[in-house]
Amino acid sequence: MKVELKKFGTTLISRQAGKEALASFQPTLGEIGASENLEIDFSGVITFSPSWGDEFLVPLLNQLGDRFILLPTDNPSVKVTVKLLEKISGKKFRTG
């Protein structure tokens, strides 16, 4: 399954907004098969903060492990945030 983060907005910056996005996305997780990957597409996202990512991406990484994949992006905001989240969480995101 592929998820375009822009459906949550193009400026993803607050911890509260990240929590709300995850809560609204949780029912969709039930549709993912036991061996299906979840791919995150950052296309269209302008700003991506560590607080939003910590509330949305890290819990999904913890839940799905290697089945959670971040698609490539040229967005510097996303790249820096992902590196910071990896450092803070002590886990690596799988990229595809």
N, C-alpha and C. Protein backbone atom coordinates (compact mmCIF):
# COMPACT_ATOMS: atom_id res chain seq x y z
N MET A 1 0.85 -1.17 0.00
CA MET A 1 0.00 0.00 0.00
C MET A 1 0.90 1.24 0.00
N LYS A 2 0.50 2.21 -0.79
CA LYS A 2 1.25 3.46 -0.88
C LYS A 2 0.40 4.58 -0.30
N VAL A 3 1.01 5.39 0.56
CA VAL A 3 0.31 6.51 1.18
C VAL A 3 1.03 7.80 0.81
N GLU A 4 0.28 8.73 0.24
CA GLU A 4 0.83 10.05 -0.07
C GLU A 4 0.58 10.95 1.13
N LEU A 5 1.66 11.42 1.75
CA LEU A 5 1.52 12.23 2.95
C LEU A 5 0.83 13.56 2.70
N LYS A 6 0.84 14.02 1.45
CA LYS A 6 0.20 15.30 1.15
C LYS A 6 -1.30 15.27 1.45
N LYS A 7 -1.87 14.08 1.60
CA LYS A 7 -3.28 14.01 1.96
C LYS A 7 -3.52 14.54 3.38
N PHE A 8 -2.45 14.61 4.17
CA PHE A 8 -2.52 15.18 5.52
C PHE A 8 -2.15 16.66 5.52
N GLY A 9 -1.73 17.17 4.36
CA GLY A 9 -1.33 18.57 4.23
C GLY A 9 0.06 18.67 3.61
N THR A 10 0.42 19.86 3.19
CA THR A 10 1.73 20.06 2.58
C THR A 10 2.75 20.61 3.58
N THR A 11 2.26 21.12 4.70
CA THR A 11 3.12 21.62 5.76
C THR A 11 2.83 20.79 7.01
N LEU A 12 3.67 19.80 7.25
CA LEU A 12 3.46 18.85 8.34
C LEU A 12 4.42 19.22 9.47
N ILE A 13 3.91 20.00 10.44
CA ILE A 13 4.84 20.59 11.38
C ILE A 13 4.56 20.40 12.87
N SER A 14 3.38 20.07 13.28
CA SER A 14 3.17 20.04 14.73
C SER A 14 3.00 18.61 15.25
N ARG A 15 3.38 18.45 16.50
CA ARG A 15 3.25 17.14 17.15
C ARG A 15 1.77 16.72 17.21
N GLN A 16 0.90 17.67 17.56
CA GLN A 16 -0.53 17.38 17.65
C GLN A 16 -1.09 16.95 16.29
N ALA A 17 -0.68 17.64 15.22
CA ALA A 17 -1.15 17.28 13.87
C ALA A 17 -0.66 15.89 13.48
N GLY A 18 0.56 15.54 13.88
CA GLY A 18 1.08 14.20 13.61
C GLY A 18 0.29 13.12 14.33
N LYS A 19 -0.06 13.39 15.59
CA LYS A 19 -0.88 12.45 16.36
C LYS A 19 -2.24 12.26 15.71
N GLU A 20 -2.83 13.38 15.29
CA GLU A 20 -4.16 13.31 14.67
C GLU A 20 -4.11 12.57 13.33
N ALA A 21 -3.03 12.80 12.57
CA ALA A 21 -2.88 12.10 11.29
C ALA A 21 -2.76 10.60 11.51
N LEU A 22 -1.98 10.20 12.51
CA LEU A 22 -1.83 8.78 12.80
C LEU A 22 -3.16 8.18 13.25
N ALA A 23 -3.87 8.89 14.10
CA ALA A 23 -5.17 8.39 14.58
C ALA A 23 -6.14 8.21 13.42
N SER A 24 -6.13 9.14 12.47
CA SER A 24 -7.05 9.02 11.34
C SER A 24 -6.60 7.93 10.37
N PHE A 25 -5.32 7.59 10.39
CA PHE A 25 -4.77 6.58 9.49
C PHE A 25 -4.88 5.16 10.06
N GLN A 26 -5.00 5.03 11.35
CA GLN A 26 -5.01 3.71 12.00
C GLN A 26 -6.03 2.74 11.40
N PRO A 27 -7.27 3.16 11.09
CA PRO A 27 -8.21 2.20 10.49
C PRO A 27 -7.71 1.63 9.16
N THR A 28 -6.96 2.42 8.41
CA THR A 28 -6.42 1.97 7.13
C THR A 28 -5.39 0.87 7.33
N LEU A 29 -4.68 0.90 8.45
CA LEU A 29 -3.68 -0.14 8.73
C LEU A 29 -4.29 -1.53 8.76
N GLY A 30 -5.55 -1.61 9.16
CA GLY A 30 -6.24 -2.90 9.18
C GLY A 30 -6.42 -3.50 7.80
N GLU A 31 -6.32 -2.67 6.77
CA GLU A 31 -6.48 -3.14 5.39
C GLU A 31 -5.19 -3.72 4.82
N ILE A 32 -4.08 -3.52 5.51
CA ILE A 32 -2.78 -3.99 5.02
C ILE A 32 -2.61 -5.46 5.37
N GLY A 33 -2.29 -6.26 4.37
CA GLY A 33 -2.06 -7.68 4.58
C GLY A 33 -0.83 -7.93 5.43
N ALA A 34 -0.74 -9.11 6.00
CA ALA A 34 0.35 -9.45 6.91
C ALA A 34 1.72 -9.40 6.25
N SER A 35 1.78 -9.54 4.93
CA SER A 35 3.07 -9.50 4.25
C SER A 35 3.19 -8.28 3.33
N GLU A 36 2.19 -7.41 3.35
CA GLU A 36 2.19 -6.23 2.47
C GLU A 36 3.02 -5.09 3.07
N ASN A 37 3.73 -4.38 2.20
CA ASN A 37 4.52 -3.22 2.63
C ASN A 37 3.64 -1.98 2.67
N LEU A 38 4.04 -1.03 3.52
CA LEU A 38 3.43 0.30 3.54
C LEU A 38 4.50 1.27 3.07
N GLU A 39 4.24 1.92 1.94
CA GLU A 39 5.20 2.86 1.36
C GLU A 39 4.70 4.28 1.59
N ILE A 40 5.61 5.12 2.07
CA ILE A 40 5.28 6.52 2.34
C ILE A 40 5.87 7.39 1.23
N ASP A 41 5.00 8.15 0.58
CA ASP A 41 5.38 9.03 -0.52
C ASP A 41 5.33 10.48 -0.03
N PHE A 42 6.47 11.17 -0.12
CA PHE A 42 6.57 12.55 0.35
C PHE A 42 6.29 13.57 -0.74
N SER A 43 5.92 13.14 -1.94
CA SER A 43 5.64 14.06 -3.04
C SER A 43 4.58 15.07 -2.63
N GLY A 44 4.85 16.34 -2.90
CA GLY A 44 3.89 17.39 -2.58
C GLY A 44 4.03 17.97 -1.19
N VAL A 45 4.83 17.34 -0.33
CA VAL A 45 5.06 17.87 1.02
C VAL A 45 6.12 18.96 0.92
N ILE A 46 5.80 20.12 1.46
CA ILE A 46 6.73 21.25 1.41
C ILE A 46 7.62 21.29 2.65
N THR A 47 6.99 21.19 3.82
CA THR A 47 7.73 21.26 5.08
C THR A 47 7.37 20.05 5.92
N PHE A 48 8.40 19.43 6.51
CA PHE A 48 8.20 18.21 7.30
C PHE A 48 9.05 18.32 8.56
N SER A 49 8.41 18.44 9.71
CA SER A 49 9.15 18.66 10.95
C SER A 49 9.38 17.36 11.72
N PRO A 50 10.42 17.36 12.56
CA PRO A 50 10.69 16.18 13.40
C PRO A 50 9.53 15.84 14.34
N SER A 51 8.84 16.85 14.85
CA SER A 51 7.75 16.57 15.79
C SER A 51 6.60 15.82 15.09
N TRP A 52 6.23 16.23 13.88
CA TRP A 52 5.19 15.54 13.13
C TRP A 52 5.66 14.12 12.78
N GLY A 53 6.87 14.00 12.30
CA GLY A 53 7.42 12.71 11.93
C GLY A 53 7.52 11.75 13.11
N ASP A 54 7.87 12.29 14.27
CA ASP A 54 8.00 11.46 15.47
C ASP A 54 6.65 10.88 15.87
N GLU A 55 5.60 11.62 15.65
CA GLU A 55 4.26 11.15 16.02
C GLU A 55 3.62 10.25 14.97
N PHE A 56 4.06 10.37 13.71
CA PHE A 56 3.44 9.59 12.63
C PHE A 56 4.35 8.47 12.14
N LEU A 57 5.56 8.79 11.76
CA LEU A 57 6.45 7.79 11.15
C LEU A 57 7.00 6.79 12.15
N VAL A 58 7.48 7.26 13.28
CA VAL A 58 8.13 6.35 14.24
C VAL A 58 7.17 5.28 14.76
N PRO A 59 5.93 5.62 15.14
CA PRO A 59 5.01 4.55 15.56
C PRO A 59 4.74 3.52 14.45
N LEU A 60 4.66 3.99 13.20
CA LEU A 60 4.44 3.05 12.10
C LEU A 60 5.66 2.16 11.89
N LEU A 61 6.85 2.73 12.04
CA LEU A 61 8.08 1.94 11.95
C LEU A 61 8.09 0.88 13.06
N ASN A 62 7.73 1.28 14.26
CA ASN A 62 7.70 0.33 15.38
C ASN A 62 6.67 -0.77 15.14
N GLN A 63 5.56 -0.43 14.52
CA GLN A 63 4.49 -1.39 14.30
C GLN A 63 4.78 -2.33 13.12
N LEU A 64 5.35 -1.78 12.04
CA LEU A 64 5.49 -2.56 10.81
C LEU A 64 6.91 -3.05 10.53
N GLY A 65 7.91 -2.46 11.16
CA GLY A 65 9.29 -2.88 10.97
C GLY A 65 9.74 -2.76 9.53
N ASP A 66 10.28 -3.84 8.97
CA ASP A 66 10.82 -3.83 7.61
C ASP A 66 9.76 -3.66 6.53
N ARG A 67 8.50 -3.79 6.90
CA ARG A 67 7.43 -3.61 5.91
C ARG A 67 7.08 -2.13 5.72
N PHE A 68 7.73 -1.26 6.48
CA PHE A 68 7.50 0.19 6.41
C PHE A 68 8.62 0.81 5.59
N ILE A 69 8.27 1.42 4.46
CA ILE A 69 9.27 1.91 3.51
C ILE A 69 9.02 3.38 3.19
N LEU A 70 10.10 4.18 3.26
CA LEU A 70 10.03 5.58 2.86
C LEU A 70 10.52 5.68 1.42
N LEU A 71 9.67 6.20 0.54
CA LEU A 71 10.06 6.35 -0.85
C LEU A 71 11.04 7.50 -1.01
N PRO A 72 11.92 7.44 -2.01
CA PRO A 72 12.93 8.48 -2.21
C PRO A 72 12.31 9.87 -2.39
N THR A 73 13.02 10.89 -1.91
CA THR A 73 12.58 12.27 -2.05
C THR A 73 13.80 13.18 -2.18
N ASP A 74 13.60 14.30 -2.84
CA ASP A 74 14.65 15.31 -2.94
C ASP A 74 14.42 16.44 -1.95
N ASN A 75 13.36 16.37 -1.17
CA ASN A 75 13.01 17.42 -0.24
C ASN A 75 14.00 17.46 0.92
N PRO A 76 14.77 18.56 1.04
CA PRO A 76 15.77 18.63 2.12
C PRO A 76 15.15 18.59 3.52
N SER A 77 13.96 19.14 3.67
CA SER A 77 13.27 19.12 4.96
C SER A 77 13.00 17.68 5.40
N VAL A 78 12.56 16.86 4.46
CA VAL A 78 12.27 15.46 4.75
C VAL A 78 13.56 14.70 5.06
N LYS A 79 14.58 14.91 4.25
CA LYS A 79 15.85 14.19 4.44
C LYS A 79 16.46 14.46 5.81
N VAL A 80 16.49 15.72 6.21
CA VAL A 80 17.07 16.09 7.51
C VAL A 80 16.22 15.51 8.65
N THR A 81 14.92 15.61 8.51
CA THR A 81 14.03 15.10 9.55
C THR A 81 14.16 13.59 9.71
N VAL A 82 14.22 12.86 8.62
CA VAL A 82 14.35 11.40 8.69
C VAL A 82 15.66 11.02 9.39
N LYS A 83 16.75 11.68 9.05
CA LYS A 83 18.03 11.39 9.71
C LYS A 83 17.95 11.66 11.20
N LEU A 84 17.32 12.77 11.57
CA LEU A 84 17.17 13.10 12.99
C LEU A 84 16.31 12.07 13.71
N LEU A 85 15.22 11.65 13.09
CA LEU A 85 14.35 10.64 13.70
C LEU A 85 15.07 9.31 13.89
N GLU A 86 15.92 8.95 12.93
CA GLU A 86 16.71 7.72 13.07
C GLU A 86 17.67 7.83 14.24
N LYS A 87 18.27 8.98 14.39
CA LYS A 87 19.21 9.18 15.50
C LYS A 87 18.49 9.12 16.85
N ILE A 88 17.35 9.78 16.92
CA ILE A 88 16.59 9.84 18.18
C ILE A 88 16.01 8.47 18.54
N SER A 89 15.44 7.79 17.55
CA SER A 89 14.77 6.50 17.83
C SER A 89 15.74 5.33 17.91
N GLY A 90 16.94 5.51 17.34
CA GLY A 90 17.90 4.41 17.30
C GLY A 90 17.54 3.35 16.29
N LYS A 91 16.62 3.67 15.37
CA LYS A 91 16.19 2.71 14.34
C LYS A 91 16.37 3.34 12.97
N LYS A 92 16.61 2.49 11.97
CA LYS A 92 16.76 2.95 10.60
C LYS A 92 15.47 2.73 9.84
N PHE A 93 15.11 3.73 9.04
CA PHE A 93 13.98 3.57 8.14
C PHE A 93 14.45 2.86 6.88
N ARG A 94 13.63 1.96 6.40
CA ARG A 94 13.92 1.30 5.13
C ARG A 94 13.50 2.25 4.00
N THR A 95 14.35 2.38 3.01
CA THR A 95 14.03 3.23 1.88
C THR A 95 13.91 2.39 0.63
N GLY A 96 13.10 2.87 -0.28
CA GLY A 96 12.89 2.09 -1.47
C GLY A 96 12.80 2.94 -2.71
